[in-house]
């Protein structure tokens, strides 16, 4: 491997509705690749917390990740985490699950605008994306201001579908002020920004977010960046993480971050 301490801090097991494989399989794959650490971050969509049974599946995922931590020590560090989706759309749900489990890592995400389906379920036409993206970044700002998380997941998530699936041209420069506000809030709160490498293996072909946002985060004083493959099956564990570290280095960072007991552990890019 090109880098030491390679860590994948965003993976989903079969405790996520769209996950395919067990926690053990995900960890075994990470260990076989020689990764330093893996964090299990199964989905908890707060706006569907009770309806979709996340209050049970996340507790089960948490316990399984704890068992995996003991099972795989010292081959690899296994951390317990959560991808907390749409926290500000149901704050009771968010606080309930965070109180229930002593996570190492809380990854905040926004998969849908309030009242609309997930971005992957929407249909897009040229000229109809601007309002959606304005609403997305505004609601992302609300999420960041709430602040009970460690890293912000895939900031440019809608582009995976608008650009990757529908082939639309999106000028992020139109939303620079909104994105800057989000990044400044992360910096002020000492929160991390995620490089999500899923786009590298999908039609989109780029990380989420890309170099423009990474460089701007650093310019504004951002210190912590986490790396995640967003794997939903064992074969994708660790996918693109080395590429993500190269992007991070190109953006001017000398380290990346893994969270342990909700505290940042900074590791050198070397």
C-alpha atoms as a PDB file:
ATOM      1  CA  UNK A   1       0.000   0.000   0.000  1.00  0.00           C
ATOM      2  CA  UNK A   2       1.101   3.541  -0.746  1.00  0.00           C
ATOM      3  CA  UNK A   3       0.179   4.925   2.675  1.00  0.00           C
ATOM      4  CA  UNK A   4       0.315   3.746   6.277  1.00  0.00           C
ATOM      5  CA  UNK A   5      -2.589   3.934   8.734  1.00  0.00           C
ATOM      6  CA  UNK A   6      -5.200   3.564   5.975  1.00  0.00           C
ATOM      7  CA  UNK A   7      -8.618   3.717   7.637  1.00  0.00           C
ATOM      8  CA  UNK A   8     -12.153   3.422   6.301  1.00  0.00           C
ATOM      9  CA  UNK A   9     -14.548   5.404   8.491  1.00  0.00           C
ATOM     10  CA  UNK A  10     -17.786   4.933   6.556  1.00  0.00           C
ATOM     11  CA  UNK A  11     -19.067   1.419   5.886  1.00  0.00           C
ATOM     12  CA  UNK A  12     -22.488  -0.233   6.091  1.00  0.00           C
ATOM     13  CA  UNK A  13     -23.299  -3.777   7.161  1.00  0.00           C
ATOM     14  CA  UNK A  14     -26.543  -5.692   6.726  1.00  0.00           C
ATOM     15  CA  UNK A  15     -27.920  -3.735   9.675  1.00  0.00           C
ATOM     16  CA  UNK A  16     -28.475  -0.983   7.093  1.00  0.00           C
ATOM     17  CA  UNK A  17     -31.495  -1.534   4.812  1.00  0.00           C
ATOM     18  CA  UNK A  18     -29.261  -1.330   1.746  1.00  0.00           C
ATOM     19  CA  UNK A  19     -26.305  -3.205   3.244  1.00  0.00           C
ATOM     20  CA  UNK A  20     -25.441  -6.674   1.981  1.00  0.00           C
ATOM     21  CA  UNK A  21     -22.929  -8.268   4.353  1.00  0.00           C
ATOM     22  CA  UNK A  22     -22.337  -8.862   8.055  1.00  0.00           C
ATOM     23  CA  UNK A  23     -20.153  -6.738  10.297  1.00  0.00           C
ATOM     24  CA  UNK A  24     -17.744  -9.676  10.550  1.00  0.00           C
ATOM     25  CA  UNK A  25     -17.410  -9.900   6.765  1.00  0.00           C
ATOM     26  CA  UNK A  26     -16.767  -6.161   6.479  1.00  0.00           C
ATOM     27  CA  UNK A  27     -14.099  -6.325   9.176  1.00  0.00           C
ATOM     28  CA  UNK A  28     -12.482  -9.442   7.718  1.00  0.00           C
ATOM     29  CA  UNK A  29     -12.181  -7.682   4.375  1.00  0.00           C
ATOM     30  CA  UNK A  30     -10.589  -4.637   6.027  1.00  0.00           C
ATOM     31  CA  UNK A  31      -8.147  -6.817   7.953  1.00  0.00           C
ATOM     32  CA  UNK A  32      -7.188  -8.797   4.844  1.00  0.00           C
ATOM     33  CA  UNK A  33      -6.392  -5.520   3.052  1.00  0.00           C
ATOM     34  CA  UNK A  34      -4.110  -4.467   5.891  1.00  0.00           C
ATOM     35  CA  UNK A  35      -6.175  -1.457   6.936  1.00  0.00           C
ATOM     36  CA  UNK A  36      -5.305   0.246  10.194  1.00  0.00           C
ATOM     37  CA  UNK A  37      -8.944   0.809  11.214  1.00  0.00           C
ATOM     38  CA  UNK A  38     -12.543   0.403  10.139  1.00  0.00           C
ATOM     39  CA  UNK A  39     -15.601   2.167  11.567  1.00  0.00           C
ATOM     40  CA  UNK A  40     -19.042   0.602  11.185  1.00  0.00           C
ATOM     41  CA  UNK A  41     -21.495   3.417  10.395  1.00  0.00           C
ATOM     42  CA  UNK A  42     -24.867   1.856   9.694  1.00  0.00           C
ATOM     43  CA  UNK A  43     -27.732   4.053   8.535  1.00  0.00           C
ATOM     44  CA  UNK A  44     -30.081   5.744  10.967  1.00  0.00           C
ATOM     45  CA  UNK A  45     -32.538   7.873   8.998  1.00  0.00           C
ATOM     46  CA  UNK A  46     -34.037  10.021  11.744  1.00  0.00           C
ATOM     47  CA  UNK A  47     -37.074  11.011   9.670  1.00  0.00           C
ATOM     48  CA  UNK A  48     -38.016   7.299   9.514  1.00  0.00           C
ATOM     49  CA  UNK A  49     -36.651   6.300  12.920  1.00  0.00           C
ATOM     50  CA  UNK A  50     -39.601   4.319  14.273  1.00  0.00           C
ATOM     51  CA  UNK A  51     -41.334   3.545  10.976  1.00  0.00           C
ATOM     52  CA  UNK A  52     -38.293   1.735   9.580  1.00  0.00           C
ATOM     53  CA  UNK A  53     -37.069   0.233  12.859  1.00  0.00           C
ATOM     54  CA  UNK A  54     -33.784   2.104  13.142  1.00  0.00           C
ATOM     55  CA  UNK A  55     -34.072   2.245  16.912  1.00  0.00           C
ATOM     56  CA  UNK A  56     -33.542  -1.534  16.920  1.00  0.00           C
ATOM     57  CA  UNK A  57     -31.172  -2.035  13.983  1.00  0.00           C
ATOM     58  CA  UNK A  58     -28.686   0.572  15.183  1.00  0.00           C
ATOM     59  CA  UNK A  59     -28.562  -0.853  18.688  1.00  0.00           C
ATOM     60  CA  UNK A  60     -27.875  -4.265  17.156  1.00  0.00           C
ATOM     61  CA  UNK A  61     -25.181  -2.806  14.868  1.00  0.00           C
ATOM     62  CA  UNK A  62     -23.541  -1.093  17.827  1.00  0.00           C
ATOM     63  CA  UNK A  63     -23.366  -4.305  19.851  1.00  0.00           C
ATOM     64  CA  UNK A  64     -22.045  -6.264  16.855  1.00  0.00           C
ATOM     65  CA  UNK A  65     -19.303  -3.705  16.214  1.00  0.00           C
ATOM     66  CA  UNK A  66     -18.262  -3.977  19.861  1.00  0.00           C
ATOM     67  CA  UNK A  67     -18.009  -7.752  19.516  1.00  0.00           C
ATOM     68  CA  UNK A  68     -16.023  -7.338  16.304  1.00  0.00           C
ATOM     69  CA  UNK A  69     -13.625  -4.972  18.052  1.00  0.00           C
ATOM     70  CA  UNK A  70     -12.697  -7.720  20.519  1.00  0.00           C
ATOM     71  CA  UNK A  71     -12.684 -10.446  17.868  1.00  0.00           C
ATOM     72  CA  UNK A  72     -10.339  -8.650  15.450  1.00  0.00           C
ATOM     73  CA  UNK A  73      -7.939  -7.149  17.983  1.00  0.00           C
ATOM     74  CA  UNK A  74      -5.014  -6.719  17.387  1.00  0.00           C
ATOM     75  CA  UNK A  75      -5.278  -7.376  13.623  1.00  0.00           C
ATOM     76  CA  UNK A  76      -7.269  -4.192  13.041  1.00  0.00           C
ATOM     77  CA  UNK A  77      -8.956  -1.462  15.061  1.00  0.00           C
ATOM     78  CA  UNK A  78     -12.754  -1.744  14.813  1.00  0.00           C
ATOM     79  CA  UNK A  79     -14.760   1.283  15.913  1.00  0.00           C
ATOM     80  CA  UNK A  80     -18.494   1.666  16.466  1.00  0.00           C
ATOM     81  CA  UNK A  81     -20.218   4.452  14.585  1.00  0.00           C
ATOM     82  CA  UNK A  82     -23.438   5.646  13.005  1.00  0.00           C
ATOM     83  CA  UNK A  83     -24.453   7.540   9.889  1.00  0.00           C
ATOM     84  CA  UNK A  84     -27.065   9.834  11.376  1.00  0.00           C
ATOM     85  CA  UNK A  85     -29.278  10.965   8.510  1.00  0.00           C
ATOM     86  CA  UNK A  86     -31.555  14.020   8.653  1.00  0.00           C
ATOM     87  CA  UNK A  87     -31.005  14.602  12.390  1.00  0.00           C
ATOM     88  CA  UNK A  88     -32.700  18.001  12.365  1.00  0.00           C
ATOM     89  CA  UNK A  89     -35.821  16.529  10.765  1.00  0.00           C
ATOM     90  CA  UNK A  90     -36.447  14.568  13.991  1.00  0.00           C
ATOM     91  CA  UNK A  91     -34.297  15.751  16.858  1.00  0.00           C
ATOM     92  CA  UNK A  92     -35.989  13.383  19.305  1.00  0.00           C
ATOM     93  CA  UNK A  93     -34.876  10.401  17.229  1.00  0.00           C
ATOM     94  CA  UNK A  94     -31.333  11.737  16.909  1.00  0.00           C
ATOM     95  CA  UNK A  95     -30.919  12.356  20.614  1.00  0.00           C
ATOM     96  CA  UNK A  96     -32.589   9.057  21.513  1.00  0.00           C
ATOM     97  CA  UNK A  97     -30.097   6.903  19.601  1.00  0.00           C
ATOM     98  CA  UNK A  98     -27.093   9.011  20.629  1.00  0.00           C
ATOM     99  CA  UNK A  99     -28.090   8.609  24.287  1.00  0.00           C
ATOM    100  CA  UNK A 100     -28.572   4.863  23.844  1.00  0.00           C
ATOM    101  CA  UNK A 101     -25.153   3.998  22.394  1.00  0.00           C
ATOM    102  CA  UNK A 102     -21.640   5.089  23.305  1.00  0.00           C
ATOM    103  CA  UNK A 103     -20.438   5.542  19.726  1.00  0.00           C
ATOM    104  CA  UNK A 104     -16.855   6.207  18.742  1.00  0.00           C
ATOM    105  CA  UNK A 105     -17.948   8.185  15.720  1.00  0.00           C
ATOM    106  CA  UNK A 106     -21.052  10.068  14.589  1.00  0.00           C
ATOM    107  CA  UNK A 107     -21.225  10.859  10.893  1.00  0.00           C
ATOM    108  CA  UNK A 108     -23.925  13.383   9.964  1.00  0.00           C
ATOM    109  CA  UNK A 109     -25.599  13.289   6.565  1.00  0.00           C
ATOM    110  CA  UNK A 110     -28.506  14.759   4.628  1.00  0.00           C
ATOM    111  CA  UNK A 111     -30.037  12.403   2.072  1.00  0.00           C
ATOM    112  CA  UNK A 112     -33.244  14.288   1.373  1.00  0.00           C
ATOM    113  CA  UNK A 113     -34.774  17.726   1.612  1.00  0.00           C
ATOM    114  CA  UNK A 114     -37.486  17.780   4.240  1.00  0.00           C
ATOM    115  CA  UNK A 115     -40.741  16.470   2.775  1.00  0.00           C
ATOM    116  CA  UNK A 116     -39.097  14.983  -0.331  1.00  0.00           C
ATOM    117  CA  UNK A 117     -37.694  11.508  -1.082  1.00  0.00           C
ATOM    118  CA  UNK A 118     -33.981  10.692  -1.032  1.00  0.00           C
ATOM    119  CA  UNK A 119     -32.054  12.394  -3.853  1.00  0.00           C
ATOM    120  CA  UNK A 120     -31.508   9.022  -5.531  1.00  0.00           C
ATOM    121  CA  UNK A 121     -35.278   8.655  -5.960  1.00  0.00           C
ATOM    122  CA  UNK A 122     -35.837  12.023  -7.658  1.00  0.00           C
ATOM    123  CA  UNK A 123     -35.882  12.706 -11.395  1.00  0.00           C
ATOM    124  CA  UNK A 124     -33.840  15.613 -12.702  1.00  0.00           C
ATOM    125  CA  UNK A 125     -34.040  17.894 -15.710  1.00  0.00           C
ATOM    126  CA  UNK A 126     -31.738  20.696 -16.782  1.00  0.00           C
ATOM    127  CA  UNK A 127     -32.752  23.971 -15.171  1.00  0.00           C
ATOM    128  CA  UNK A 128     -34.644  22.312 -12.321  1.00  0.00           C
ATOM    129  CA  UNK A 129     -31.746  21.616  -9.961  1.00  0.00           C
ATOM    130  CA  UNK A 130     -30.944  25.095  -8.669  1.00  0.00           C
ATOM    131  CA  UNK A 131     -33.810  25.346  -6.180  1.00  0.00           C
ATOM    132  CA  UNK A 132     -33.157  21.820  -4.922  1.00  0.00           C
ATOM    133  CA  UNK A 133     -29.489  22.562  -4.307  1.00  0.00           C
ATOM    134  CA  UNK A 134     -30.257  25.866  -2.596  1.00  0.00           C
ATOM    135  CA  UNK A 135     -32.645  24.055  -0.238  1.00  0.00           C
ATOM    136  CA  UNK A 136     -30.140  21.246   0.274  1.00  0.00           C
ATOM    137  CA  UNK A 137     -27.293  23.541   1.314  1.00  0.00           C
ATOM    138  CA  UNK A 138     -29.622  25.625   3.519  1.00  0.00           C
ATOM    139  CA  UNK A 139     -30.822  22.512   5.346  1.00  0.00           C
ATOM    140  CA  UNK A 140     -27.241  21.242   5.549  1.00  0.00           C
ATOM    141  CA  UNK A 141     -26.372  24.489   7.324  1.00  0.00           C
ATOM    142  CA  UNK A 142     -29.144  23.832   9.852  1.00  0.00           C
ATOM    143  CA  UNK A 143     -27.685  20.373  10.446  1.00  0.00           C
ATOM    144  CA  UNK A 144     -24.179  21.730  10.955  1.00  0.00           C
ATOM    145  CA  UNK A 145     -25.452  24.383  13.378  1.00  0.00           C
ATOM    146  CA  UNK A 146     -27.117  21.620  15.420  1.00  0.00           C
ATOM    147  CA  UNK A 147     -23.653  20.173  15.801  1.00  0.00           C
ATOM    148  CA  UNK A 148     -24.006  16.902  17.730  1.00  0.00           C
ATOM    149  CA  UNK A 149     -21.813  14.921  15.330  1.00  0.00           C
ATOM    150  CA  UNK A 150     -18.127  14.456  14.520  1.00  0.00           C
ATOM    151  CA  UNK A 151     -17.836  14.600  10.717  1.00  0.00           C
ATOM    152  CA  UNK A 152     -20.049  15.829   7.897  1.00  0.00           C
ATOM    153  CA  UNK A 153     -20.663  13.157   5.253  1.00  0.00           C
ATOM    154  CA  UNK A 154     -20.553  13.566   1.462  1.00  0.00           C
ATOM    155  CA  UNK A 155     -21.275  17.305   1.332  1.00  0.00           C
ATOM    156  CA  UNK A 156     -21.991  17.214  -2.420  1.00  0.00           C
ATOM    157  CA  UNK A 157     -24.208  14.103  -2.208  1.00  0.00           C
ATOM    158  CA  UNK A 158     -26.875  15.256  -4.759  1.00  0.00           C
ATOM    159  CA  UNK A 159     -24.238  15.461  -7.505  1.00  0.00           C
ATOM    160  CA  UNK A 160     -23.881  11.679  -7.361  1.00  0.00           C
ATOM    161  CA  UNK A 161     -27.269  11.567  -9.090  1.00  0.00           C
ATOM    162  CA  UNK A 162     -27.655  14.933 -10.826  1.00  0.00           C
ATOM    163  CA  UNK A 163     -24.276  14.642 -12.547  1.00  0.00           C
ATOM    164  CA  UNK A 164     -23.425  10.954 -12.257  1.00  0.00           C
ATOM    165  CA  UNK A 165     -26.777   9.457 -13.251  1.00  0.00           C
ATOM    166  CA  UNK A 166     -28.447  12.232 -15.256  1.00  0.00           C
ATOM    167  CA  UNK A 167     -25.366  13.805 -16.827  1.00  0.00           C
ATOM    168  CA  UNK A 168     -26.361  17.357 -15.907  1.00  0.00           C
ATOM    169  CA  UNK A 169     -23.797  20.146 -15.638  1.00  0.00           C
ATOM    170  CA  UNK A 170     -23.762  21.729 -12.185  1.00  0.00           C
ATOM    171  CA  UNK A 171     -21.744  24.862 -11.395  1.00  0.00           C
ATOM    172  CA  UNK A 172     -20.967  24.683  -7.685  1.00  0.00           C
ATOM    173  CA  UNK A 173     -19.685  28.235  -7.895  1.00  0.00           C
ATOM    174  CA  UNK A 174     -23.325  29.387  -7.735  1.00  0.00           C
ATOM    175  CA  UNK A 175     -23.517  27.977  -4.223  1.00  0.00           C
ATOM    176  CA  UNK A 176     -20.104  29.088  -2.995  1.00  0.00           C
ATOM    177  CA  UNK A 177     -21.489  31.434  -0.353  1.00  0.00           C
ATOM    178  CA  UNK A 178     -23.707  28.705   1.089  1.00  0.00           C
ATOM    179  CA  UNK A 179     -20.883  26.150   1.008  1.00  0.00           C
ATOM    180  CA  UNK A 180     -18.485  28.605   2.643  1.00  0.00           C
ATOM    181  CA  UNK A 181     -20.974  29.190   5.451  1.00  0.00           C
ATOM    182  CA  UNK A 182     -21.195  25.443   6.055  1.00  0.00           C
ATOM    183  CA  UNK A 183     -17.412  25.051   6.044  1.00  0.00           C
ATOM    184  CA  UNK A 184     -16.876  28.033   8.352  1.00  0.00           C
ATOM    185  CA  UNK A 185     -19.371  26.571  10.817  1.00  0.00           C
ATOM    186  CA  UNK A 186     -17.525  23.236  10.767  1.00  0.00           C
ATOM    187  CA  UNK A 187     -14.267  25.063  11.451  1.00  0.00           C
ATOM    188  CA  UNK A 188     -15.717  27.110  14.311  1.00  0.00           C
ATOM    189  CA  UNK A 189     -17.085  23.956  15.927  1.00  0.00           C
ATOM    190  CA  UNK A 190     -13.881  21.927  15.328  1.00  0.00           C
ATOM    191  CA  UNK A 191     -15.838  19.389  13.279  1.00  0.00           C
ATOM    192  CA  UNK A 192     -14.436  17.184  10.544  1.00  0.00           C
ATOM    193  CA  UNK A 193     -15.316  17.072   6.860  1.00  0.00           C
ATOM    194  CA  UNK A 194     -15.550  13.700   5.137  1.00  0.00           C
ATOM    195  CA  UNK A 195     -13.970  12.718   1.836  1.00  0.00           C
ATOM    196  CA  UNK A 196     -16.432  10.121   0.572  1.00  0.00           C
ATOM    197  CA  UNK A 197     -14.766   7.980  -2.097  1.00  0.00           C
ATOM    198  CA  UNK A 198     -17.916   6.231  -3.355  1.00  0.00           C
ATOM    199  CA  UNK A 199     -18.183   8.587  -6.312  1.00  0.00           C
ATOM    200  CA  UNK A 200     -14.816   7.414  -7.606  1.00  0.00           C
ATOM    201  CA  UNK A 201     -16.221   3.961  -8.364  1.00  0.00           C
ATOM    202  CA  UNK A 202     -19.584   5.214  -9.591  1.00  0.00           C
ATOM    203  CA  UNK A 203     -20.648   7.095 -12.732  1.00  0.00           C
ATOM    204  CA  UNK A 204     -19.925  10.421 -11.031  1.00  0.00           C
ATOM    205  CA  UNK A 205     -16.201   9.638 -11.103  1.00  0.00           C
ATOM    206  CA  UNK A 206     -15.197  12.092  -8.355  1.00  0.00           C
ATOM    207  CA  UNK A 207     -14.996  12.198  -4.590  1.00  0.00           C
ATOM    208  CA  UNK A 208     -17.768  13.794  -2.521  1.00  0.00           C
ATOM    209  CA  UNK A 209     -16.832  16.604  -2.060  1.00  0.00           C
ATOM    210  CA  UNK A 210     -14.120  17.311  -4.620  1.00  0.00           C
ATOM    211  CA  UNK A 211     -10.879  19.253  -4.610  1.00  0.00           C
ATOM    212  CA  UNK A 212     -12.470  22.723  -4.758  1.00  0.00           C
ATOM    213  CA  UNK A 213     -14.298  22.188  -1.469  1.00  0.00           C
ATOM    214  CA  UNK A 214     -11.350  20.406   0.192  1.00  0.00           C
ATOM    215  CA  UNK A 215      -9.002  23.267  -0.574  1.00  0.00           C
ATOM    216  CA  UNK A 216     -11.541  25.817   0.598  1.00  0.00           C
ATOM    217  CA  UNK A 217     -12.026  23.914   3.869  1.00  0.00           C
ATOM    218  CA  UNK A 218      -8.291  24.094   4.499  1.00  0.00           C
ATOM    219  CA  UNK A 219      -8.143  27.802   3.544  1.00  0.00           C
ATOM    220  CA  UNK A 220     -10.848  28.519   6.117  1.00  0.00           C
ATOM    221  CA  UNK A 221      -8.899  26.715   8.835  1.00  0.00           C
ATOM    222  CA  UNK A 222     -10.317  23.191   8.687  1.00  0.00           C
ATOM    223  CA  UNK A 223      -8.126  20.714  10.570  1.00  0.00           C
ATOM    224  CA  UNK A 224      -9.959  17.393  10.601  1.00  0.00           C
ATOM    225  CA  UNK A 225     -10.854  15.246   7.595  1.00  0.00           C
ATOM    226  CA  UNK A 226     -12.204  11.687   7.702  1.00  0.00           C
ATOM    227  CA  UNK A 227     -12.126   9.181   4.844  1.00  0.00           C
ATOM    228  CA  UNK A 228     -14.909   6.774   3.942  1.00  0.00           C
ATOM    229  CA  UNK A 229     -15.620   4.331   1.131  1.00  0.00           C
ATOM    230  CA  UNK A 230     -19.367   4.279   1.874  1.00  0.00           C
ATOM    231  CA  UNK A 231     -19.152   0.528   1.223  1.00  0.00           C
ATOM    232  CA  UNK A 232     -22.424  -1.403   1.351  1.00  0.00           C
ATOM    233  CA  UNK A 233     -20.799  -4.778   0.628  1.00  0.00           C
ATOM    234  CA  UNK A 234     -17.555  -6.421   1.688  1.00  0.00           C
ATOM    235  CA  UNK A 235     -15.931  -6.037  -1.761  1.00  0.00           C
ATOM    236  CA  UNK A 236     -16.020  -2.216  -1.535  1.00  0.00           C
ATOM    237  CA  UNK A 237     -14.423  -1.871   1.901  1.00  0.00           C
ATOM    238  CA  UNK A 238     -11.397   0.410   1.571  1.00  0.00           C
ATOM    239  CA  UNK A 239     -12.215   1.250  -2.057  1.00  0.00           C
ATOM    240  CA  UNK A 240     -10.717   4.582  -3.070  1.00  0.00           C
ATOM    241  CA  UNK A 241      -9.296   5.404   0.367  1.00  0.00           C
ATOM    242  CA  UNK A 242      -5.725   5.678  -0.910  1.00  0.00           C
ATOM    243  CA  UNK A 243      -6.990   7.949  -3.699  1.00  0.00           C
ATOM    244  CA  UNK A 244      -8.773  10.012  -1.064  1.00  0.00           C
ATOM    245  CA  UNK A 245      -5.552  10.355   0.920  1.00  0.00           C
ATOM    246  CA  UNK A 246      -3.760  11.526  -2.218  1.00  0.00           C
ATOM    247  CA  UNK A 247      -6.487  14.141  -2.774  1.00  0.00           C
ATOM    248  CA  UNK A 248      -6.146  15.242   0.818  1.00  0.00           C
ATOM    249  CA  UNK A 249      -2.397  15.619   0.435  1.00  0.00           C
ATOM    250  CA  UNK A 250      -2.847  17.553  -2.818  1.00  0.00           C
ATOM    251  CA  UNK A 251      -5.249  19.899  -1.023  1.00  0.00           C
ATOM    252  CA  UNK A 252      -2.478  20.729   1.458  1.00  0.00           C
ATOM    253  CA  UNK A 253      -3.336  18.504   4.401  1.00  0.00           C
ATOM    254  CA  UNK A 254      -0.631  16.518   6.180  1.00  0.00           C
ATOM    255  CA  UNK A 255      -2.944  14.319   8.243  1.00  0.00           C
ATOM    256  CA  UNK A 256      -6.360  12.691   8.392  1.00  0.00           C
ATOM    257  CA  UNK A 257      -8.604  11.813  11.311  1.00  0.00           C
ATOM    258  CA  UNK A 258     -10.153   8.768  12.948  1.00  0.00           C
ATOM    259  CA  UNK A 259     -12.563   9.245  15.848  1.00  0.00           C
ATOM    260  CA  UNK A 260     -12.282   7.186  19.031  1.00  0.00           C
ATOM    261  CA  UNK A 261     -14.848   7.746  21.784  1.00  0.00           C
ATOM    262  CA  UNK A 262     -15.980  10.898  19.928  1.00  0.00           C
ATOM    263  CA  UNK A 263     -12.462  12.371  20.110  1.00  0.00           C
ATOM    264  CA  UNK A 264     -10.312  13.089  17.013  1.00  0.00           C
ATOM    265  CA  UNK A 265      -7.232  10.916  16.577  1.00  0.00           C
ATOM    266  CA  UNK A 266      -5.001  12.582  14.007  1.00  0.00           C
ATOM    267  CA  UNK A 267      -2.839  10.310  11.849  1.00  0.00           C
ATOM    268  CA  UNK A 268      -0.121  11.435   9.429  1.00  0.00           C
ATOM    269  CA  UNK A 269      -0.411  10.946   5.692  1.00  0.00           C
ATOM    270  CA  UNK A 270       2.772   8.985   5.061  1.00  0.00           C
END
